[in-house]
């Protein structure tokens, strides 16, 4: 997911945990990089970012 898609999902979750499943490693990598960029750009407060071997990502964050 790109940054705008990830940001929208974080807004919808409003601080709750989001678990997203993907069908391939590239999509997982892109999503993790988007989350990290949003955090580095000071657009979100990241509480947790967990990446699993089964192409899933767990995110707990809030929009600043």
PDB file of N, CA and C in Angstrom:
ATOM      1  N   UNK A   1       0.843  -1.184   0.000  1.00  0.00           N
ATOM      2  CA  UNK A   1       0.000   0.000   0.000  1.00  0.00           C
ATOM      3  C   UNK A   1       0.886   1.244   0.000  1.00  0.00           C
ATOM      4  N   UNK A   2       0.442   2.254  -0.713  1.00  0.00           N
ATOM      5  CA  UNK A   2       1.213   3.487  -0.719  1.00  0.00           C
ATOM      6  C   UNK A   2       0.881   4.313   0.528  1.00  0.00           C
ATOM      7  N   UNK A   3       1.583   5.414   0.702  1.00  0.00           N
ATOM      8  CA  UNK A   3       1.431   6.213   1.914  1.00  0.00           C
ATOM      9  C   UNK A   3       0.007   6.714   2.130  1.00  0.00           C
ATOM     10  N   UNK A   4      -0.628   7.203   1.081  1.00  0.00           N
ATOM     11  CA  UNK A   4      -1.984   7.739   1.248  1.00  0.00           C
ATOM     12  C   UNK A   4      -2.976   6.644   1.634  1.00  0.00           C
ATOM     13  N   UNK A   5      -2.812   5.452   1.082  1.00  0.00           N
ATOM     14  CA  UNK A   5      -3.698   4.337   1.443  1.00  0.00           C
ATOM     15  C   UNK A   5      -3.483   3.918   2.896  1.00  0.00           C
ATOM     16  N   UNK A   6      -2.225   3.845   3.304  1.00  0.00           N
ATOM     17  CA  UNK A   6      -1.922   3.463   4.693  1.00  0.00           C
ATOM     18  C   UNK A   6      -2.454   4.526   5.641  1.00  0.00           C
ATOM     19  N   UNK A   7      -2.251   5.789   5.309  1.00  0.00           N
ATOM     20  CA  UNK A   7      -2.726   6.875   6.165  1.00  0.00           C
ATOM     21  C   UNK A   7      -4.243   6.820   6.318  1.00  0.00           C
ATOM     22  N   UNK A   8      -4.949   6.539   5.257  1.00  0.00           N
ATOM     23  CA  UNK A   8      -6.404   6.433   5.315  1.00  0.00           C
ATOM     24  C   UNK A   8      -6.842   5.288   6.234  1.00  0.00           C
ATOM     25  N   UNK A   9      -6.168   4.152   6.124  1.00  0.00           N
ATOM     26  CA  UNK A   9      -6.494   3.003   7.000  1.00  0.00           C
ATOM     27  C   UNK A   9      -6.227   3.335   8.469  1.00  0.00           C
ATOM     28  N   UNK A  10      -5.137   4.054   8.732  1.00  0.00           N
ATOM     29  CA  UNK A  10      -4.820   4.448  10.106  1.00  0.00           C
ATOM     30  C   UNK A  10      -5.870   5.408  10.636  1.00  0.00           C
ATOM     31  N   UNK A  11      -6.314   6.343   9.815  1.00  0.00           N
ATOM     32  CA  UNK A  11      -7.383   7.268  10.218  1.00  0.00           C
ATOM     33  C   UNK A  11      -8.649   6.505  10.566  1.00  0.00           C
ATOM     34  N   UNK A  12      -9.002   5.536   9.742  1.00  0.00           N
ATOM     35  CA  UNK A  12     -10.221   4.744   9.972  1.00  0.00           C
ATOM     36  C   UNK A  12     -10.133   3.945  11.266  1.00  0.00           C
ATOM     37  N   UNK A  13      -8.956   3.437  11.586  1.00  0.00           N
ATOM     38  CA  UNK A  13      -8.784   2.607  12.780  1.00  0.00           C
ATOM     39  C   UNK A  13      -8.739   3.440  14.049  1.00  0.00           C
ATOM     40  N   UNK A  14      -8.370   4.714  13.947  1.00  0.00           N
ATOM     41  CA  UNK A  14      -8.356   5.648  15.071  1.00  0.00           C
ATOM     42  C   UNK A  14      -7.613   5.108  16.297  1.00  0.00           C
ATOM     43  N   UNK A  15      -6.398   4.637  16.084  1.00  0.00           N
ATOM     44  CA  UNK A  15      -5.567   4.173  17.194  1.00  0.00           C
ATOM     45  C   UNK A  15      -5.695   2.699  17.517  1.00  0.00           C
ATOM     46  N   UNK A  16      -6.647   2.031  16.918  1.00  0.00           N
ATOM     47  CA  UNK A  16      -6.787   0.595  17.121  1.00  0.00           C
ATOM     48  C   UNK A  16      -5.822  -0.158  16.197  1.00  0.00           C
ATOM     49  N   UNK A  17      -5.642  -1.420  16.461  1.00  0.00           N
ATOM     50  CA  UNK A  17      -4.729  -2.235  15.664  1.00  0.00           C
ATOM     51  C   UNK A  17      -5.353  -2.609  14.328  1.00  0.00           C
ATOM     52  N   UNK A  18      -4.550  -2.502  13.286  1.00  0.00           N
ATOM     53  CA  UNK A  18      -4.954  -2.893  11.939  1.00  0.00           C
ATOM     54  C   UNK A  18      -4.130  -4.114  11.563  1.00  0.00           C
ATOM     55  N   UNK A  19      -4.776  -5.154  11.065  1.00  0.00           N
ATOM     56  CA  UNK A  19      -4.063  -6.320  10.550  1.00  0.00           C
ATOM     57  C   UNK A  19      -4.410  -6.419   9.071  1.00  0.00           C
ATOM     58  N   UNK A  20      -3.374  -6.410   8.246  1.00  0.00           N
ATOM     59  CA  UNK A  20      -3.586  -6.487   6.799  1.00  0.00           C
ATOM     60  C   UNK A  20      -2.851  -7.697   6.243  1.00  0.00           C
ATOM     61  N   UNK A  21      -3.527  -8.452   5.410  1.00  0.00           N
ATOM     62  CA  UNK A  21      -2.928  -9.599   4.744  1.00  0.00           C
ATOM     63  C   UNK A  21      -2.663  -9.290   3.284  1.00  0.00           C
ATOM     64  N   UNK A  22      -1.552  -9.784   2.773  1.00  0.00           N
ATOM     65  CA  UNK A  22      -1.171  -9.549   1.387  1.00  0.00           C
ATOM     66  C   UNK A  22      -0.865 -10.873   0.709  1.00  0.00           C
ATOM     67  N   UNK A  23      -0.816 -10.847  -0.600  1.00  0.00           N
ATOM     68  CA  UNK A  23      -0.572 -12.083  -1.339  1.00  0.00           C
ATOM     69  C   UNK A  23       0.887 -12.272  -1.733  1.00  0.00           C
ATOM     70  N   UNK A  24       1.717 -11.239  -1.495  1.00  0.00           N
ATOM     71  CA  UNK A  24       3.129 -11.389  -1.846  1.00  0.00           C
ATOM     72  C   UNK A  24       4.022 -10.486  -0.999  1.00  0.00           C
ATOM     73  N   UNK A  25       5.291 -10.789  -1.002  1.00  0.00           N
ATOM     74  CA  UNK A  25       6.286 -10.089  -0.188  1.00  0.00           C
ATOM     75  C   UNK A  25       6.451  -8.632  -0.609  1.00  0.00           C
ATOM     76  N   UNK A  26       6.355  -8.353  -1.894  1.00  0.00           N
ATOM     77  CA  UNK A  26       6.524  -6.980  -2.388  1.00  0.00           C
ATOM     78  C   UNK A  26       5.470  -6.041  -1.787  1.00  0.00           C
ATOM     79  N   UNK A  27       4.231  -6.480  -1.701  1.00  0.00           N
ATOM     80  CA  UNK A  27       3.173  -5.655  -1.119  1.00  0.00           C
ATOM     81  C   UNK A  27       3.423  -5.405   0.366  1.00  0.00           C
ATOM     82  N   UNK A  28       3.921  -6.415   1.056  1.00  0.00           N
ATOM     83  CA  UNK A  28       4.262  -6.262   2.476  1.00  0.00           C
ATOM     84  C   UNK A  28       5.366  -5.226   2.621  1.00  0.00           C
ATOM     85  N   UNK A  29       6.419  -5.355   1.835  1.00  0.00           N
ATOM     86  CA  UNK A  29       7.556  -4.427   1.886  1.00  0.00           C
ATOM     87  C   UNK A  29       7.121  -2.987   1.621  1.00  0.00           C
ATOM     88  N   UNK A  30       6.304  -2.812   0.597  1.00  0.00           N
ATOM     89  CA  UNK A  30       5.820  -1.473   0.245  1.00  0.00           C
ATOM     90  C   UNK A  30       5.021  -0.849   1.391  1.00  0.00           C
ATOM     91  N   UNK A  31       4.180  -1.645   2.029  1.00  0.00           N
ATOM     92  CA  UNK A  31       3.364  -1.155   3.140  1.00  0.00           C
ATOM     93  C   UNK A  31       4.230  -0.773   4.333  1.00  0.00           C
ATOM     94  N   UNK A  32       5.188  -1.623   4.675  1.00  0.00           N
ATOM     95  CA  UNK A  32       6.089  -1.334   5.799  1.00  0.00           C
ATOM     96  C   UNK A  32       6.883  -0.057   5.522  1.00  0.00           C
ATOM     97  N   UNK A  33       7.380   0.096   4.307  1.00  0.00           N
ATOM     98  CA  UNK A  33       8.122   1.309   3.954  1.00  0.00           C
ATOM     99  C   UNK A  33       7.221   2.549   4.026  1.00  0.00           C
ATOM    100  N   UNK A  34       5.978   2.414   3.635  1.00  0.00           N
ATOM    101  CA  UNK A  34       5.035   3.530   3.717  1.00  0.00           C
ATOM    102  C   UNK A  34       4.794   3.935   5.162  1.00  0.00           C
ATOM    103  N   UNK A  35       4.618   2.959   6.037  1.00  0.00           N
ATOM    104  CA  UNK A  35       4.420   3.242   7.467  1.00  0.00           C
ATOM    105  C   UNK A  35       5.652   3.937   8.030  1.00  0.00           C
ATOM    106  N   UNK A  36       6.829   3.429   7.712  1.00  0.00           N
ATOM    107  CA  UNK A  36       8.061   4.025   8.221  1.00  0.00           C
ATOM    108  C   UNK A  36       8.236   5.458   7.711  1.00  0.00           C
ATOM    109  N   UNK A  37       7.886   5.708   6.456  1.00  0.00           N
ATOM    110  CA  UNK A  37       8.003   7.066   5.910  1.00  0.00           C
ATOM    111  C   UNK A  37       7.020   8.012   6.594  1.00  0.00           C
ATOM    112  N   UNK A  38       5.798   7.572   6.816  1.00  0.00           N
ATOM    113  CA  UNK A  38       4.821   8.399   7.520  1.00  0.00           C
ATOM    114  C   UNK A  38       5.305   8.742   8.925  1.00  0.00           C
ATOM    115  N   UNK A  39       5.928   7.787   9.588  1.00  0.00           N
ATOM    116  CA  UNK A  39       6.463   8.021  10.925  1.00  0.00           C
ATOM    117  C   UNK A  39       7.635   9.012  10.857  1.00  0.00           C
ATOM    118  N   UNK A  40       8.548   8.806   9.922  1.00  0.00           N
ATOM    119  CA  UNK A  40       9.710   9.684   9.778  1.00  0.00           C
ATOM    120  C   UNK A  40       9.319  11.100   9.371  1.00  0.00           C
ATOM    121  N   UNK A  41       8.234  11.227   8.617  1.00  0.00           N
ATOM    122  CA  UNK A  41       7.732  12.536   8.206  1.00  0.00           C
ATOM    123  C   UNK A  41       6.879  13.183   9.295  1.00  0.00           C
ATOM    124  N   UNK A  42       6.775  12.514  10.457  1.00  0.00           N
ATOM    125  CA  UNK A  42       6.040  13.011  11.617  1.00  0.00           C
ATOM    126  C   UNK A  42       4.549  13.188  11.336  1.00  0.00           C
ATOM    127  N   UNK A  43       4.001  12.308  10.520  1.00  0.00           N
ATOM    128  CA  UNK A  43       2.568  12.361  10.203  1.00  0.00           C
ATOM    129  C   UNK A  43       1.751  11.401  11.055  1.00  0.00           C
ATOM    130  N   UNK A  44       2.424  10.372  11.624  1.00  0.00           N
ATOM    131  CA  UNK A  44       1.749   9.414  12.509  1.00  0.00           C
ATOM    132  C   UNK A  44       2.604   9.171  13.749  1.00  0.00           C
ATOM    133  N   UNK A  45       1.943   8.706  14.793  1.00  0.00           N
ATOM    134  CA  UNK A  45       2.624   8.202  15.980  1.00  0.00           C
ATOM    135  C   UNK A  45       2.465   6.688  15.926  1.00  0.00           C
ATOM    136  N   UNK A  46       3.575   5.994  15.815  1.00  0.00           N
ATOM    137  CA  UNK A  46       3.550   4.544  15.670  1.00  0.00           C
ATOM    138  C   UNK A  46       3.712   3.873  17.024  1.00  0.00           C
ATOM    139  N   UNK A  47       2.743   3.042  17.371  1.00  0.00           N
ATOM    140  CA  UNK A  47       2.815   2.288  18.608  1.00  0.00           C
ATOM    141  C   UNK A  47       3.389   0.900  18.388  1.00  0.00           C
ATOM    142  N   UNK A  48       3.070   0.314  17.232  1.00  0.00           N
ATOM    143  CA  UNK A  48       3.523  -1.050  16.948  1.00  0.00           C
ATOM    144  C   UNK A  48       3.499  -1.298  15.447  1.00  0.00           C
ATOM    145  N   UNK A  49       4.516  -1.981  14.973  1.00  0.00           N
ATOM    146  CA  UNK A  49       4.570  -2.428  13.585  1.00  0.00           C
ATOM    147  C   UNK A  49       5.169  -3.827  13.597  1.00  0.00           C
ATOM    148  N   UNK A  50       4.339  -4.824  13.279  1.00  0.00           N
ATOM    149  CA  UNK A  50       4.777  -6.211  13.295  1.00  0.00           C
ATOM    150  C   UNK A  50       4.553  -6.817  11.921  1.00  0.00           C
ATOM    151  N   UNK A  51       5.576  -7.451  11.432  1.00  0.00           N
ATOM    152  CA  UNK A  51       5.522  -8.101  10.117  1.00  0.00           C
ATOM    153  C   UNK A  51       5.641  -9.607  10.323  1.00  0.00           C
ATOM    154  N   UNK A  52       4.699 -10.373   9.795  1.00  0.00           N
ATOM    155  CA  UNK A  52       4.708 -11.829   9.947  1.00  0.00           C
ATOM    156  C   UNK A  52       5.211 -12.510   8.677  1.00  0.00           C
ATOM    157  N   UNK A  53       5.623 -13.744   8.818  1.00  0.00           N
ATOM    158  CA  UNK A  53       6.130 -14.517   7.680  1.00  0.00           C
ATOM    159  C   UNK A  53       5.045 -14.883   6.671  1.00  0.00           C
ATOM    160  N   UNK A  54       3.804 -14.803   7.084  1.00  0.00           N
ATOM    161  CA  UNK A  54       2.704 -15.209   6.196  1.00  0.00           C
ATOM    162  C   UNK A  54       2.107 -14.028   5.428  1.00  0.00           C
ATOM    163  N   UNK A  55       2.944 -13.023   5.109  1.00  0.00           N
ATOM    164  CA  UNK A  55       2.530 -11.851   4.324  1.00  0.00           C
ATOM    165  C   UNK A  55       1.477 -11.002   5.014  1.00  0.00           C
ATOM    166  N   UNK A  56       1.571 -10.872   6.310  1.00  0.00           N
ATOM    167  CA  UNK A  56       0.650  -9.983   7.012  1.00  0.00           C
ATOM    168  C   UNK A  56       1.435  -8.940   7.815  1.00  0.00           C
ATOM    169  N   UNK A  57       0.771  -7.810   8.043  1.00  0.00           N
ATOM    170  CA  UNK A  57       1.354  -6.700   8.776  1.00  0.00           C
ATOM    171  C   UNK A  57       0.344  -6.252   9.817  1.00  0.00           C
ATOM    172  N   UNK A  58       0.836  -6.017  11.029  1.00  0.00           N
ATOM    173  CA  UNK A  58      -0.007  -5.515  12.109  1.00  0.00           C
ATOM    174  C   UNK A  58       0.508  -4.114  12.467  1.00  0.00           C
ATOM    175  N   UNK A  59      -0.389  -3.151  12.429  1.00  0.00           N
ATOM    176  CA  UNK A  59      -0.019  -1.751  12.670  1.00  0.00           C
ATOM    177  C   UNK A  59      -0.914  -1.166  13.757  1.00  0.00           C
ATOM    178  N   UNK A  60      -0.297  -0.499  14.713  1.00  0.00           N
ATOM    179  CA  UNK A  60      -1.044   0.284  15.696  1.00  0.00           C
ATOM    180  C   UNK A  60      -0.447   1.675  15.654  1.00  0.00           C
ATOM    181  N   UNK A  61      -1.244   2.646  15.212  1.00  0.00           N
ATOM    182  CA  UNK A  61      -0.747   4.007  15.039  1.00  0.00           C
ATOM    183  C   UNK A  61      -1.897   5.002  15.102  1.00  0.00           C
ATOM    184  N   UNK A  62      -1.535   6.253  15.301  1.00  0.00           N
ATOM    185  CA  UNK A  62      -2.489   7.362  15.275  1.00  0.00           C
ATOM    186  C   UNK A  62      -1.964   8.454  14.360  1.00  0.00           C
ATOM    187  N   UNK A  63      -2.875   9.153  13.720  1.00  0.00           N
ATOM    188  CA  UNK A  63      -2.523  10.300  12.901  1.00  0.00           C
ATOM    189  C   UNK A  63      -2.265  11.479  13.830  1.00  0.00           C
ATOM    190  N   UNK A  64      -1.218  12.241  13.536  1.00  0.00           N
ATOM    191  CA  UNK A  64      -0.911  13.419  14.369  1.00  0.00           C
ATOM    192  C   UNK A  64      -1.739  14.602  13.960  1.00  0.00           C
TER     193      UNK A  64
END
